[in-house]
Amino acid sequence: MAQLINLLPWMPGHSGFSSYVQRVVPALDGWRLQLGAVGEPVLLTPQRWRPAPPGEVPSALPRLLQMVGLAQHGFNLKNLLARHGLGLNDLDCIYSPFFDALLAMPPQIPQVITCHDLTPLLLPNSRKAWLRYRFWQPLHLRKARRVIAISQRVADHLLAFGVDGRKLTVIPNGIEVRDPRVGAPASADLIVLARHDGNKNLLGLMRALAGVQRQLPQWTGTVRIIGRDGRQTAALRRLHEALPRPWQVQLIPSLGATELRRTMRQSLALISASAEEGFDYPVLEAKAEGLPTVLSDIAVHREFHHDSSLFFPLDDDGTQLAAHLHSLLQDGDLWQQLSLAGYALARQMSVARQVAQIQDLIASTC
C-alpha cells in the first residue's frame, strides 16, 4: 500500500504554505503529487523530490488552474497512477499540507488535510477569496476524514464553520533552532514581517508608531516593515508620509533569507500587530533567535505566547507600544527574560514534534 502527498496547490514564491511544506514533507513517506515543469502532474518518490517550490508553469491553462486553486481538475489522477504501476486500491491514505482534498478520490481512501487559517473568510482581501472559502472549502472539509488545525484558534473557527469536532486535531507549527540565541540587543531597531494585507493591521501599527514617535522623541531606532505590497499599500504609504519622523520607518518588499536573519538578530524586538492569524509563524521565528516579541492582544498570540511576550491593544494610540519600547531599551533584565522565555518556547515547539504528531495522525487515520 502507498501513501500520497497532495502538493498540487503548491505555487512558486515564498509563502507560509511553502514554509510548511519545506519543514514537514521531507520527513514524511509517500509519493509526492505536484505540477511539473510544463504544468503536467507528476508523481515523485521521496528520493527524487526536492523541497523547493515548483517553477512557474508556462502553459496557459495549467497556470490558470493553478492560480485559482483548481489544478487537480486538469488531469485524470487514475491514469497518472497507472503510469507508475499504481491503482486507486494501492492508496491507503492521502495527506495534504494545504487546505485541499482530492475531490475525485473515492470515499474509502481516507484523506487528511491541513487548515492553516480561515482569515480569507473572516478578514478577506478579496471577494474571490471570501467566495472560495465560503462555498468551495466546505467540499474539501466534507471529503476529508481528518482535518489538522495549526492552532486552537483555527479549530474554534472550524467548529463555528460547522465542521464535526471529531474530525479536528490541533497540531501547532514547529521550528528548528539552529544557533545560540542573541545574547543582548544590538540596536534600538524594530522589525515587522507582514504583507500589506488587512489582517496584518499595518495601518493600525503605523498610527501607533506615530504616537510612539511623539512620546519617545529620544528614540532613534529604525522600524523595518518587511513584506510585499497588498491592498493596503497606498493607505499605508500615506500614513507613513504623515509620521512625525517618517525616515524612522522603512517599507521593504523582501529580503533574502540570510539578510533577513541578520536583520532580525540585530534588532531590539519583533512587532506583530495582526488583527487575525492562524498561527503567526514570524513570531516563532523571532523566538528561535532569542529576539523579544511585542504582539497585538489577539487570541492566537495569547494561546502560544501569553508568558513570553509583551502585548498591546489593536487600537493602541502608541501609549502601550511606547511604554514597552521604553522598557526594552532601559530594562536589560526584562529584555533577557523575554529572550530566554521565547527561546525556550521555540526549542519546545520543534519541527520533530510537529512531524511526529502528523505521522501519528496519518497512521491512525489509515
Protein backbone atom coordinates (compact mmCIF):
# COMPACT_ATOMS: atom_id res chain seq x y z
CA MET A 1 0.00 0.00 0.00
CA ALA A 2 1.15 3.56 -0.73
CA GLN A 3 0.69 7.00 0.75
CA LEU A 4 0.14 10.05 -1.46
CA ILE A 5 1.04 13.64 -0.52
CA ASN A 6 -1.03 16.21 -2.41
CA LEU A 7 1.18 19.18 -3.38
CA LEU A 8 -0.87 20.34 -6.38
CA PRO A 9 -1.74 23.74 -4.79
CA TRP A 10 1.99 24.49 -4.29
CA MET A 11 2.93 27.60 -6.27
CA PRO A 12 6.20 29.48 -6.94
CA GLY A 13 7.31 32.12 -4.46
CA HIS A 14 7.71 32.46 -0.72
CA SER A 15 4.65 31.94 1.47
CA GLY A 16 3.67 30.44 4.78
CA PHE A 17 2.31 27.44 2.87
CA SER A 18 5.69 26.90 1.22
CA SER A 19 7.46 27.10 4.57
CA TYR A 20 5.09 24.48 5.96
CA VAL A 21 5.75 22.11 3.06
CA GLN A 22 9.52 22.60 3.27
CA ARG A 23 9.56 21.88 7.00
CA VAL A 24 7.14 18.97 7.18
CA VAL A 25 7.10 16.97 3.94
CA PRO A 26 10.80 15.92 3.84
CA ALA A 27 10.22 13.76 6.91
CA LEU A 28 7.09 12.05 5.56
CA ASP A 29 6.94 8.92 3.43
CA GLY A 30 4.83 8.72 0.30
CA TRP A 31 4.57 9.71 -3.35
CA ARG A 32 4.60 13.47 -3.95
CA LEU A 33 1.92 14.69 -6.37
CA GLN A 34 2.60 18.14 -7.84
CA LEU A 35 2.78 20.08 -11.10
CA GLY A 36 5.89 19.63 -13.24
CA ALA A 37 7.90 21.99 -15.41
CA VAL A 38 5.29 22.48 -18.12
CA GLY A 39 2.22 22.23 -15.92
CA GLU A 40 1.76 18.48 -16.18
CA PRO A 41 1.05 16.47 -13.00
CA VAL A 42 3.98 14.37 -11.80
CA LEU A 43 4.42 11.68 -9.18
CA LEU A 44 7.77 11.79 -7.40
CA THR A 45 9.29 9.38 -4.90
CA PRO A 46 10.75 10.85 -1.68
CA GLN A 47 14.22 10.22 -3.11
CA ARG A 48 13.57 12.24 -6.30
CA TRP A 49 11.60 15.06 -4.66
CA ARG A 50 13.28 18.28 -3.53
CA PRO A 51 11.74 20.73 -1.01
CA ALA A 52 11.73 23.68 -3.41
CA PRO A 53 8.54 25.16 -4.88
CA PRO A 54 7.82 24.18 -8.49
CA GLY A 55 8.71 26.76 -11.13
CA GLU A 56 6.19 28.94 -12.91
CA VAL A 57 4.03 26.92 -15.29
CA PRO A 58 4.46 28.17 -18.90
CA SER A 59 1.27 26.58 -20.28
CA ALA A 60 -1.74 28.88 -20.07
CA LEU A 61 -4.48 26.50 -18.94
CA PRO A 62 -2.49 24.66 -16.22
CA ARG A 63 -1.22 28.02 -14.96
CA LEU A 64 -4.75 29.39 -14.76
CA LEU A 65 -6.00 26.30 -12.94
CA GLN A 66 -3.09 26.56 -10.50
CA MET A 67 -3.73 30.26 -9.84
CA VAL A 68 -7.38 29.67 -8.95
CA GLY A 69 -6.67 26.54 -6.91
CA LEU A 70 -8.21 24.08 -9.36
CA ALA A 71 -5.09 22.27 -10.57
CA GLN A 72 -6.49 18.87 -9.57
CA HIS A 73 -9.30 19.22 -12.12
CA GLY A 74 -6.96 19.49 -15.10
CA PHE A 75 -6.00 15.81 -15.34
CA ASN A 76 -7.01 12.23 -14.57
CA LEU A 77 -5.26 11.02 -11.42
CA LYS A 78 -6.24 7.42 -12.07
CA ASN A 79 -4.35 7.46 -15.39
CA LEU A 80 -1.34 9.12 -13.75
CA LEU A 81 -1.20 6.43 -11.07
CA ALA A 82 -1.47 3.71 -13.72
CA ARG A 83 1.62 5.06 -15.50
CA HIS A 84 3.53 4.31 -12.29
CA GLY A 85 2.04 0.86 -11.84
CA LEU A 86 -0.41 2.00 -9.17
CA GLY A 87 -4.17 1.79 -8.88
CA LEU A 88 -6.61 3.52 -6.55
CA ASN A 89 -6.70 0.35 -4.46
CA ASP A 90 -2.98 0.76 -3.81
CA LEU A 91 -3.51 4.05 -1.95
CA ASP A 92 -4.12 3.71 1.76
CA CYS A 93 -4.05 7.42 2.64
CA ILE A 94 -3.74 10.92 1.15
CA TYR A 95 -2.20 13.78 3.09
CA SER A 96 -2.32 17.43 2.02
CA PRO A 97 -0.25 20.17 3.70
CA PHE A 98 -2.77 22.51 2.05
CA PHE A 99 -6.47 23.05 2.71
CA ASP A 100 -7.29 20.86 -0.30
CA ALA A 101 -8.65 17.34 -0.55
CA LEU A 102 -8.54 15.45 -3.84
CA LEU A 103 -12.25 15.65 -4.64
CA ALA A 104 -12.31 12.90 -7.28
CA MET A 105 -10.94 10.24 -4.93
CA PRO A 106 -13.37 7.53 -3.73
CA PRO A 107 -14.50 7.93 -0.10
CA GLN A 108 -12.84 4.69 1.01
CA ILE A 109 -9.41 6.35 0.65
CA PRO A 110 -9.00 8.43 3.84
CA GLN A 111 -7.70 11.96 3.41
CA VAL A 112 -6.03 14.27 5.95
CA ILE A 113 -5.90 17.99 5.10
CA THR A 114 -4.36 20.98 6.90
CA CYS A 115 -6.27 24.18 7.63
CA HIS A 116 -3.80 26.99 8.29
CA ASP A 117 -6.46 29.64 8.95
CA LEU A 118 -9.86 30.94 7.92
CA THR A 119 -8.65 34.52 7.51
CA PRO A 120 -10.00 34.78 3.91
CA LEU A 121 -13.45 34.20 5.40
CA LEU A 122 -13.02 36.42 8.48
CA LEU A 123 -10.96 39.32 7.07
CA PRO A 124 -10.88 38.72 3.31
CA ASN A 125 -8.54 40.58 0.99
CA SER A 126 -10.81 39.94 -2.00
CA ARG A 127 -14.34 38.83 -2.82
CA LYS A 128 -12.86 35.86 -4.70
CA ALA A 129 -11.09 34.63 -1.57
CA TRP A 130 -14.26 35.01 0.52
CA LEU A 131 -16.37 33.15 -2.04
CA ARG A 132 -13.84 30.35 -2.26
CA TYR A 133 -13.72 29.80 1.49
CA ARG A 134 -17.46 30.25 1.98
CA PHE A 135 -18.67 27.89 -0.75
CA TRP A 136 -15.74 25.80 -2.07
CA GLN A 137 -13.77 24.83 1.05
CA PRO A 138 -16.79 23.06 2.62
CA LEU A 139 -16.47 20.48 -0.18
CA HIS A 140 -12.89 19.78 0.90
CA LEU A 141 -13.87 19.63 4.57
CA ARG A 142 -16.62 17.10 3.84
CA LYS A 143 -14.24 14.99 1.75
CA ALA A 144 -11.51 14.89 4.41
CA ARG A 145 -11.56 12.16 7.04
CA ARG A 146 -9.41 14.27 9.40
CA VAL A 147 -8.51 17.98 9.50
CA ILE A 148 -5.36 19.38 11.10
CA ALA A 149 -5.74 22.85 12.64
CA ILE A 150 -2.45 24.61 13.38
CA SER A 151 -3.86 26.29 16.50
CA GLN A 152 -6.84 26.06 18.82
CA ARG A 153 -7.93 29.39 17.36
CA VAL A 154 -8.23 27.78 13.91
CA ALA A 155 -10.02 24.77 15.41
CA ASP A 156 -12.56 27.09 17.07
CA HIS A 157 -13.19 28.82 13.74
CA LEU A 158 -13.68 25.45 12.02
CA LEU A 159 -16.18 24.38 14.69
CA ALA A 160 -18.08 27.64 14.17
CA PHE A 161 -17.93 26.94 10.43
CA GLY A 162 -19.81 23.70 11.07
CA VAL A 163 -17.01 21.12 10.99
CA ASP A 164 -17.56 17.99 13.08
CA GLY A 165 -15.25 18.31 16.07
CA ARG A 166 -14.40 14.61 15.84
CA LYS A 167 -12.56 15.36 12.60
CA LEU A 168 -10.31 18.00 14.15
CA THR A 169 -6.83 17.65 15.58
CA VAL A 170 -4.71 20.61 16.70
CA ILE A 171 -1.05 20.26 15.70
CA PRO A 172 0.85 23.56 16.13
CA ASN A 173 3.67 24.54 13.82
CA GLY A 174 7.25 23.81 14.79
CA ILE A 175 10.62 25.40 14.11
CA GLU A 176 14.27 24.35 14.09
CA VAL A 177 16.51 26.28 16.45
CA ARG A 178 19.82 26.47 14.60
CA ASP A 179 22.03 28.87 16.57
CA PRO A 180 22.57 30.11 20.12
CA ARG A 181 20.17 32.90 20.99
CA VAL A 182 21.03 36.57 20.65
CA GLY A 183 22.72 37.47 23.93
CA ALA A 184 21.93 41.18 24.08
CA PRO A 185 20.19 43.85 21.97
CA ALA A 186 22.42 45.05 19.12
CA SER A 187 20.40 48.19 18.35
CA ALA A 188 17.22 50.13 19.11
CA ASP A 189 15.66 48.92 15.82
CA LEU A 190 12.36 47.09 15.44
CA ILE A 191 11.41 44.53 12.78
CA VAL A 192 7.95 43.70 11.40
CA LEU A 193 7.32 40.80 8.98
CA ALA A 194 3.95 41.28 7.30
CA ARG A 195 2.33 41.63 3.88
CA HIS A 196 0.27 44.77 3.33
CA ASP A 197 -2.99 42.86 3.90
CA GLY A 198 -5.90 43.79 6.13
CA ASN A 199 -5.42 41.09 8.76
CA LYS A 200 -1.84 42.26 9.38
CA ASN A 201 -3.19 45.59 10.74
CA LEU A 202 -0.26 47.63 9.45
CA LEU A 203 -2.44 50.73 9.25
CA GLY A 204 -3.12 50.39 12.97
CA LEU A 205 0.58 49.84 13.61
CA MET A 206 1.50 52.97 11.63
CA ARG A 207 -0.92 55.04 13.72
CA ALA A 208 0.60 53.56 16.90
CA LEU A 209 4.11 54.37 15.64
CA ALA A 210 3.06 57.99 15.18
CA GLY A 211 2.17 58.04 18.88
CA VAL A 212 5.44 56.32 19.78
CA GLN A 213 7.44 58.97 17.93
CA ARG A 214 5.62 61.77 19.74
CA GLN A 215 6.00 60.12 23.16
CA LEU A 216 9.63 58.99 22.73
CA PRO A 217 11.40 61.81 20.89
CA GLN A 218 14.74 60.49 22.16
CA TRP A 219 14.31 57.09 20.44
CA THR A 220 16.47 56.93 17.31
CA GLY A 221 15.90 53.37 16.15
CA THR A 222 14.56 52.24 12.76
CA VAL A 223 11.38 50.25 12.15
CA ARG A 224 11.74 47.88 9.18
CA ILE A 225 8.41 46.62 7.84
CA ILE A 226 9.30 43.71 5.53
CA GLY A 227 6.57 42.33 3.29
CA ARG A 228 5.16 42.57 -0.20
CA ASP A 229 2.60 45.11 -1.36
CA GLY A 230 -1.10 44.42 -0.99
CA ARG A 231 -4.50 46.07 -0.97
CA GLN A 232 -3.49 48.43 1.85
CA THR A 233 -0.19 49.62 0.40
CA ALA A 234 -1.47 53.00 -0.82
CA ALA A 235 -3.09 53.86 2.53
CA LEU A 236 -0.01 52.60 4.35
CA ARG A 237 2.26 54.89 2.35
CA ARG A 238 0.05 57.91 3.12
CA LEU A 239 0.25 57.21 6.86
CA HIS A 240 3.98 56.64 6.51
CA GLU A 241 4.50 60.05 4.92
CA ALA A 242 2.42 61.69 7.67
CA LEU A 243 4.56 60.33 10.53
CA PRO A 244 6.33 62.89 12.72
CA ARG A 245 9.65 61.27 11.65
CA PRO A 246 8.93 59.20 8.51
CA TRP A 247 12.62 58.43 7.95
CA GLN A 248 12.50 56.17 11.03
CA VAL A 249 10.23 53.67 9.23
CA GLN A 250 11.28 51.68 6.16
CA LEU A 251 8.91 49.71 3.90
CA ILE A 252 10.94 46.84 2.42
CA PRO A 253 9.25 44.45 -0.08
CA SER A 254 11.52 41.47 0.67
CA LEU A 255 14.90 40.32 1.93
CA GLY A 256 16.88 37.16 1.22
CA ALA A 257 16.88 34.52 3.95
CA THR A 258 20.42 35.29 5.15
CA GLU A 259 19.86 39.05 5.20
CA LEU A 260 16.51 38.61 6.94
CA ARG A 261 18.03 36.55 9.76
CA ARG A 262 20.87 39.05 10.15
CA THR A 263 18.40 41.94 10.33
CA MET A 264 16.29 40.08 12.87
CA ARG A 265 19.24 39.23 15.11
CA GLN A 266 20.44 42.84 15.04
CA SER A 267 17.07 44.26 16.13
CA LEU A 268 15.77 45.11 19.58
CA ALA A 269 12.47 43.25 19.13
CA LEU A 270 9.94 41.95 16.61
CA ILE A 271 6.48 43.51 16.45
CA SER A 272 3.34 41.78 15.18
CA ALA A 273 0.24 43.98 15.05
CA SER A 274 -2.04 41.41 13.37
CA ALA A 275 -5.78 41.54 13.87
CA GLU A 276 -6.27 37.88 12.91
CA GLU A 277 -3.85 34.97 12.44
CA GLY A 278 -3.98 31.21 12.26
CA PHE A 279 -0.58 30.91 13.92
CA ASP A 280 1.77 33.86 13.09
CA TYR A 281 4.95 31.97 12.28
CA PRO A 282 7.28 35.05 12.24
CA VAL A 283 6.77 35.35 16.00
CA LEU A 284 8.16 31.84 16.48
CA GLU A 285 10.98 32.61 14.03
CA ALA A 286 11.99 35.58 16.19
CA LYS A 287 11.89 33.49 19.36
CA ALA A 288 14.12 30.87 17.73
CA GLU A 289 16.75 33.63 17.52
CA GLY A 290 16.16 34.78 21.10
CA LEU A 291 14.57 38.05 19.97
CA PRO A 292 11.87 39.53 22.27
CA THR A 293 8.43 39.99 20.70
CA VAL A 294 5.78 42.67 21.18
CA LEU A 295 2.38 41.43 19.98
CA SER A 296 -1.17 42.60 19.39
CA ASP A 297 -3.53 41.27 22.02
CA ILE A 298 -5.41 38.68 19.93
CA ALA A 299 -6.46 35.13 20.73
CA VAL A 300 -3.77 33.20 18.83
CA HIS A 301 -0.98 35.35 20.28
CA ARG A 302 -2.27 34.71 23.80
CA GLU A 303 -2.65 30.99 23.02
CA PHE A 304 1.06 30.43 22.45
CA HIS A 305 2.88 33.48 23.82
CA HIS A 306 0.98 34.60 26.92
CA ASP A 307 4.02 34.32 29.21
CA SER A 308 6.89 35.07 26.81
CA SER A 309 5.82 38.28 25.00
CA LEU A 310 4.60 41.81 25.67
CA PHE A 311 1.14 42.82 24.41
CA PHE A 312 -0.58 45.97 23.16
CA PRO A 313 -4.20 46.59 22.05
CA LEU A 314 -5.23 46.62 18.41
CA ASP A 315 -6.39 50.22 18.68
CA ASP A 316 -3.31 51.42 20.56
CA ASP A 317 -2.62 55.12 20.05
CA GLY A 318 1.03 54.44 20.76
CA THR A 319 0.84 54.70 24.55
CA GLN A 320 1.25 50.98 25.32
CA LEU A 321 3.70 50.35 22.47
CA ALA A 322 5.82 53.31 23.59
CA ALA A 323 5.81 52.00 27.17
CA HIS A 324 7.00 48.57 26.01
CA LEU A 325 9.68 50.06 23.78
CA HIS A 326 10.93 52.28 26.59
CA SER A 327 11.06 49.27 28.94
CA LEU A 328 13.02 47.15 26.46
CA LEU A 329 15.51 49.98 25.92
CA GLN A 330 16.00 50.71 29.62
CA ASP A 331 15.46 47.39 31.41
CA GLY A 332 18.11 44.83 30.46
CA ASP A 333 16.59 42.23 32.81
CA LEU A 334 13.23 42.42 31.02
CA TRP A 335 14.92 42.02 27.62
CA GLN A 336 16.81 38.94 28.88
CA GLN A 337 13.70 37.46 30.47
CA LEU A 338 11.72 37.70 27.24
CA SER A 339 14.66 36.45 25.18
CA LEU A 340 15.15 33.37 27.36
CA ALA A 341 11.42 32.56 27.63
CA GLY A 342 10.86 32.89 23.89
CA TYR A 343 13.94 30.84 23.03
CA ALA A 344 12.80 28.07 25.39
CA LEU A 345 9.36 28.05 23.75
CA ALA A 346 10.91 27.75 20.28
CA ARG A 347 13.04 24.80 21.41
CA GLN A 348 9.95 23.13 22.83
CA MET A 349 7.88 23.66 19.65
CA SER A 350 10.19 21.67 17.39
CA VAL A 351 9.61 20.51 13.83
CA ALA A 352 10.37 16.96 15.02
CA ARG A 353 7.44 17.15 17.45
CA GLN A 354 5.16 18.55 14.74
CA VAL A 355 6.13 15.87 12.20
CA ALA A 356 5.73 13.05 14.75
CA GLN A 357 2.19 14.20 15.57
CA ILE A 358 1.28 14.40 11.87
CA GLN A 359 2.71 10.93 11.24
CA ASP A 360 0.76 9.52 14.18
CA LEU A 361 -2.45 11.10 12.90
CA ILE A 362 -1.93 9.76 9.37
CA ALA A 363 -1.16 6.29 10.74
CA SER A 364 -4.26 6.23 12.94
CA THR A 365 -6.43 7.50 10.07
CA CYS A 366 -5.15 4.88 7.64
